[in-house]
Amino acid sequence: MGKYVCNICGYVYDPAEGDPDGGIAPGTAFADLPDDWICPICGSGKDEFVPE
């Protein structure tokens, strides 16, 4: 499971950490995030993220 980076703000989604504030448990792969998940920093959608 690799990390993904937001093209807009630089936030790094790390599957080992998940997004606890967004209800995403640690160990959740980027591909397994819900389609409506957004960047917790800038609010961009998954389509703005690229593999690190």
PDB file of N, CA and C in Angstrom:
ATOM      1  N   MET A   1       0.852  -1.191   0.000  1.00  0.00           N
ATOM      2  CA  MET A   1       0.000   0.000   0.000  1.00  0.00           C
ATOM      3  C   MET A   1       0.888   1.241   0.000  1.00  0.00           C
ATOM      4  N   GLY A   2       0.790   1.995  -1.081  1.00  0.00           N
ATOM      5  CA  GLY A   2       1.626   3.175  -1.191  1.00  0.00           C
ATOM      6  C   GLY A   2       0.922   4.441  -0.750  1.00  0.00           C
ATOM      7  N   LYS A   3       1.734   5.463  -0.530  1.00  0.00           N
ATOM      8  CA  LYS A   3       1.213   6.771  -0.156  1.00  0.00           C
ATOM      9  C   LYS A   3       0.778   7.524  -1.409  1.00  0.00           C
ATOM     10  N   TYR A   4      -0.192   8.414  -1.235  1.00  0.00           N
ATOM     11  CA  TYR A   4      -0.674   9.262  -2.324  1.00  0.00           C
ATOM     12  C   TYR A   4      -0.600  10.717  -1.886  1.00  0.00           C
ATOM     13  N   VAL A   5      -0.250  11.599  -2.845  1.00  0.00           N
ATOM     14  CA  VAL A   5      -0.056  13.016  -2.550  1.00  0.00           C
ATOM     15  C   VAL A   5      -1.099  13.848  -3.283  1.00  0.00           C
ATOM     16  N   CYS A   6      -1.678  14.820  -2.580  1.00  0.00           N
ATOM     17  CA  CYS A   6      -2.632  15.748  -3.186  1.00  0.00           C
ATOM     18  C   CYS A   6      -1.873  16.743  -4.058  1.00  0.00           C
ATOM     19  N   ASN A   7      -2.267  16.843  -5.329  1.00  0.00           N
ATOM     20  CA  ASN A   7      -1.641  17.781  -6.264  1.00  0.00           C
ATOM     21  C   ASN A   7      -1.902  19.234  -5.890  1.00  0.00           C
ATOM     22  N   ILE A   8      -2.944  19.483  -5.140  1.00  0.00           N
ATOM     23  CA  ILE A   8      -3.336  20.854  -4.820  1.00  0.00           C
ATOM     24  C   ILE A   8      -2.567  21.398  -3.618  1.00  0.00           C
ATOM     25  N   CYS A   9      -2.548  20.647  -2.513  1.00  0.00           N
ATOM     26  CA  CYS A   9      -1.961  21.194  -1.282  1.00  0.00           C
ATOM     27  C   CYS A   9      -0.750  20.432  -0.759  1.00  0.00           C
ATOM     28  N   GLY A  10      -0.482  19.249  -1.327  1.00  0.00           N
ATOM     29  CA  GLY A  10       0.677  18.484  -0.887  1.00  0.00           C
ATOM     30  C   GLY A  10       0.422  17.519   0.262  1.00  0.00           C
ATOM     31  N   TYR A  11      -0.848  17.430   0.724  1.00  0.00           N
ATOM     32  CA  TYR A  11      -1.181  16.473   1.787  1.00  0.00           C
ATOM     33  C   TYR A  11      -0.827  15.064   1.326  1.00  0.00           C
ATOM     34  N   VAL A  12      -0.242  14.274   2.214  1.00  0.00           N
ATOM     35  CA  VAL A  12       0.115  12.894   1.896  1.00  0.00           C
ATOM     36  C   VAL A  12      -0.840  11.954   2.624  1.00  0.00           C
ATOM     37  N   TYR A  13      -1.576  11.144   1.838  1.00  0.00           N
ATOM     38  CA  TYR A  13      -2.409  10.100   2.441  1.00  0.00           C
ATOM     39  C   TYR A  13      -1.526   8.880   2.642  1.00  0.00           C
ATOM     40  N   ASP A  14      -1.373   8.486   3.902  1.00  0.00           N
ATOM     41  CA  ASP A  14      -0.569   7.322   4.266  1.00  0.00           C
ATOM     42  C   ASP A  14      -1.519   6.224   4.745  1.00  0.00           C
ATOM     43  N   PRO A  15      -1.606   5.116   3.994  1.00  0.00           N
ATOM     44  CA  PRO A  15      -2.520   4.040   4.382  1.00  0.00           C
ATOM     45  C   PRO A  15      -2.261   3.508   5.792  1.00  0.00           C
ATOM     46  N   ALA A  16      -1.030   3.569   6.259  1.00  0.00           N
ATOM     47  CA  ALA A  16      -0.717   3.085   7.603  1.00  0.00           C
ATOM     48  C   ALA A  16      -1.406   3.931   8.674  1.00  0.00           C
ATOM     49  N   GLU A  17      -1.663   5.202   8.354  1.00  0.00           N
ATOM     50  CA  GLU A  17      -2.312   6.110   9.302  1.00  0.00           C
ATOM     51  C   GLU A  17      -3.802   6.270   9.034  1.00  0.00           C
ATOM     52  N   GLY A  18      -4.223   6.109   7.782  1.00  0.00           N
ATOM     53  CA  GLY A  18      -5.614   6.354   7.422  1.00  0.00           C
ATOM     54  C   GLY A  18      -5.952   7.833   7.557  1.00  0.00           C
ATOM     55  N   ASP A  19      -7.219   8.126   7.785  1.00  0.00           N
ATOM     56  CA  ASP A  19      -7.692   9.501   8.003  1.00  0.00           C
ATOM     57  C   ASP A  19      -8.701   9.443   9.147  1.00  0.00           C
ATOM     58  N   PRO A  20      -8.199   9.308  10.378  1.00  0.00           N
ATOM     59  CA  PRO A  20      -9.098   9.121  11.526  1.00  0.00           C
ATOM     60  C   PRO A  20     -10.174  10.201  11.640  1.00  0.00           C
ATOM     61  N   ASP A  21      -9.814  11.456  11.362  1.00  0.00           N
ATOM     62  CA  ASP A  21     -10.799  12.538  11.447  1.00  0.00           C
ATOM     63  C   ASP A  21     -11.881  12.402  10.384  1.00  0.00           C
ATOM     64  N   GLY A  22     -11.547  11.714   9.279  1.00  0.00           N
ATOM     65  CA  GLY A  22     -12.503  11.499   8.204  1.00  0.00           C
ATOM     66  C   GLY A  22     -13.198  10.151   8.287  1.00  0.00           C
ATOM     67  N   GLY A  23     -12.947   9.408   9.367  1.00  0.00           N
ATOM     68  CA  GLY A  23     -13.590   8.111   9.542  1.00  0.00           C
ATOM     69  C   GLY A  23     -12.919   6.981   8.793  1.00  0.00           C
ATOM     70  N   ILE A  24     -11.670   7.182   8.362  1.00  0.00           N
ATOM     71  CA  ILE A  24     -10.941   6.156   7.615  1.00  0.00           C
ATOM     72  C   ILE A  24      -9.946   5.480   8.553  1.00  0.00           C
ATOM     73  N   ALA A  25     -10.114   4.184   8.743  1.00  0.00           N
ATOM     74  CA  ALA A  25      -9.283   3.436   9.683  1.00  0.00           C
ATOM     75  C   ALA A  25      -7.867   3.243   9.150  1.00  0.00           C
ATOM     76  N   PRO A  26      -6.885   3.179  10.057  1.00  0.00           N
ATOM     77  CA  PRO A  26      -5.527   2.819   9.641  1.00  0.00           C
ATOM     78  C   PRO A  26      -5.541   1.487   8.901  1.00  0.00           C
ATOM     79  N   GLY A  27      -4.687   1.372   7.882  1.00  0.00           N
ATOM     80  CA  GLY A  27      -4.624   0.154   7.088  1.00  0.00           C
ATOM     81  C   GLY A  27      -5.524   0.181   5.865  1.00  0.00           C
ATOM     82  N   THR A  28      -6.200   1.324   5.606  1.00  0.00           N
ATOM     83  CA  THR A  28      -7.088   1.438   4.449  1.00  0.00           C
ATOM     84  C   THR A  28      -6.296   1.919   3.236  1.00  0.00           C
ATOM     85  N   ALA A  29      -6.232   1.087   2.199  1.00  0.00           N
ATOM     86  CA  ALA A  29      -5.529   1.458   0.970  1.00  0.00           C
ATOM     87  C   ALA A  29      -6.244   2.619   0.283  1.00  0.00           C
ATOM     88  N   PHE A  30      -5.481   3.427  -0.458  1.00  0.00           N
ATOM     89  CA  PHE A  30      -6.070   4.562  -1.164  1.00  0.00           C
ATOM     90  C   PHE A  30      -7.198   4.096  -2.086  1.00  0.00           C
ATOM     91  N   ALA A  31      -6.989   2.985  -2.775  1.00  0.00           N
ATOM     92  CA  ALA A  31      -7.993   2.463  -3.708  1.00  0.00           C
ATOM     93  C   ALA A  31      -9.288   2.076  -3.000  1.00  0.00           C
ATOM     94  N   ASP A  32      -9.199   1.801  -1.705  1.00  0.00           N
ATOM     95  CA  ASP A  32     -10.375   1.386  -0.939  1.00  0.00           C
ATOM     96  C   ASP A  32     -11.108   2.547  -0.270  1.00  0.00           C
ATOM     97  N   LEU A  33     -10.590   3.770  -0.435  1.00  0.00           N
ATOM     98  CA  LEU A  33     -11.288   4.932   0.120  1.00  0.00           C
ATOM     99  C   LEU A  33     -12.612   5.117  -0.610  1.00  0.00           C
ATOM    100  N   PRO A  34     -13.639   5.599   0.073  1.00  0.00           N
ATOM    101  CA  PRO A  34     -14.918   5.845  -0.608  1.00  0.00           C
ATOM    102  C   PRO A  34     -14.750   6.874  -1.726  1.00  0.00           C
ATOM    103  N   ASP A  35     -15.578   6.782  -2.753  1.00  0.00           N
ATOM    104  CA  ASP A  35     -15.489   7.707  -3.887  1.00  0.00           C
ATOM    105  C   ASP A  35     -15.704   9.156  -3.476  1.00  0.00           C
ATOM    106  N   ASP A  36     -16.431   9.366  -2.382  1.00  0.00           N
ATOM    107  CA  ASP A  36     -16.710  10.740  -1.953  1.00  0.00           C
ATOM    108  C   ASP A  36     -15.709  11.253  -0.908  1.00  0.00           C
ATOM    109  N   TRP A  37     -14.633  10.490  -0.664  1.00  0.00           N
ATOM    110  CA  TRP A  37     -13.603  10.948   0.270  1.00  0.00           C
ATOM    111  C   TRP A  37     -12.917  12.173  -0.310  1.00  0.00           C
ATOM    112  N   ILE A  38     -12.614  13.141   0.555  1.00  0.00           N
ATOM    113  CA  ILE A  38     -11.922  14.352   0.108  1.00  0.00           C
ATOM    114  C   ILE A  38     -10.688  14.601   0.970  1.00  0.00           C
ATOM    115  N   CYS A  39      -9.759  15.352   0.415  1.00  0.00           N
ATOM    116  CA  CYS A  39      -8.547  15.731   1.135  1.00  0.00           C
ATOM    117  C   CYS A  39      -8.937  16.475   2.412  1.00  0.00           C
ATOM    118  N   PRO A  40      -8.405  16.041   3.557  1.00  0.00           N
ATOM    119  CA  PRO A  40      -8.770  16.703   4.817  1.00  0.00           C
ATOM    120  C   PRO A  40      -8.196  18.115   4.956  1.00  0.00           C
ATOM    121  N   ILE A  41      -7.261  18.483   4.101  1.00  0.00           N
ATOM    122  CA  ILE A  41      -6.658  19.814   4.174  1.00  0.00           C
ATOM    123  C   ILE A  41      -7.369  20.803   3.249  1.00  0.00           C
ATOM    124  N   CYS A  42      -7.496  20.437   1.961  1.00  0.00           N
ATOM    125  CA  CYS A  42      -8.028  21.406   0.988  1.00  0.00           C
ATOM    126  C   CYS A  42      -9.387  21.035   0.408  1.00  0.00           C
ATOM    127  N   GLY A  43      -9.872  19.806   0.676  1.00  0.00           N
ATOM    128  CA  GLY A  43     -11.188  19.416   0.190  1.00  0.00           C
ATOM    129  C   GLY A  43     -11.225  18.891  -1.232  1.00  0.00           C
ATOM    130  N   SER A  44     -10.056  18.648  -1.837  1.00  0.00           N
ATOM    131  CA  SER A  44     -10.021  18.108  -3.199  1.00  0.00           C
ATOM    132  C   SER A  44     -10.436  16.641  -3.207  1.00  0.00           C
ATOM    133  N   GLY A  45     -10.957  16.193  -4.345  1.00  0.00           N
ATOM    134  CA  GLY A  45     -11.375  14.810  -4.498  1.00  0.00           C
ATOM    135  C   GLY A  45     -10.209  13.876  -4.771  1.00  0.00           C
ATOM    136  N   LYS A  46     -10.498  12.583  -4.779  1.00  0.00           N
ATOM    137  CA  LYS A  46      -9.472  11.562  -4.999  1.00  0.00           C
ATOM    138  C   LYS A  46      -8.755  11.726  -6.333  1.00  0.00           C
ATOM    139  N   ASP A  47      -9.433  12.328  -7.317  1.00  0.00           N
ATOM    140  CA  ASP A  47      -8.830  12.481  -8.642  1.00  0.00           C
ATOM    141  C   ASP A  47      -7.653  13.454  -8.656  1.00  0.00           C
ATOM    142  N   GLU A  48      -7.479  14.214  -7.580  1.00  0.00           N
ATOM    143  CA  GLU A  48      -6.353  15.151  -7.488  1.00  0.00           C
ATOM    144  C   GLU A  48      -5.125  14.521  -6.825  1.00  0.00           C
ATOM    145  N   PHE A  49      -5.206  13.242  -6.473  1.00  0.00           N
ATOM    146  CA  PHE A  49      -4.095  12.569  -5.806  1.00  0.00           C
ATOM    147  C   PHE A  49      -3.295  11.726  -6.787  1.00  0.00           C
ATOM    148  N   VAL A  50      -1.982  11.690  -6.573  1.00  0.00           N
ATOM    149  CA  VAL A  50      -1.079  10.879  -7.392  1.00  0.00           C
ATOM    150  C   VAL A  50      -0.205  10.034  -6.463  1.00  0.00           C
ATOM    151  N   PRO A  51       0.258   8.877  -6.939  1.00  0.00           N
ATOM    152  CA  PRO A  51       1.146   8.054  -6.100  1.00  0.00           C
ATOM    153  C   PRO A  51       2.421   8.821  -5.749  1.00  0.00           C
ATOM    154  N   GLU A  52       2.897   8.620  -4.533  1.00  0.00           N
ATOM    155  CA  GLU A  52       4.129   9.292  -4.096  1.00  0.00           C
ATOM    156  C   GLU A  52       5.334   8.621  -4.710  1.00  0.00           C
TER     157      GLU A  52
END
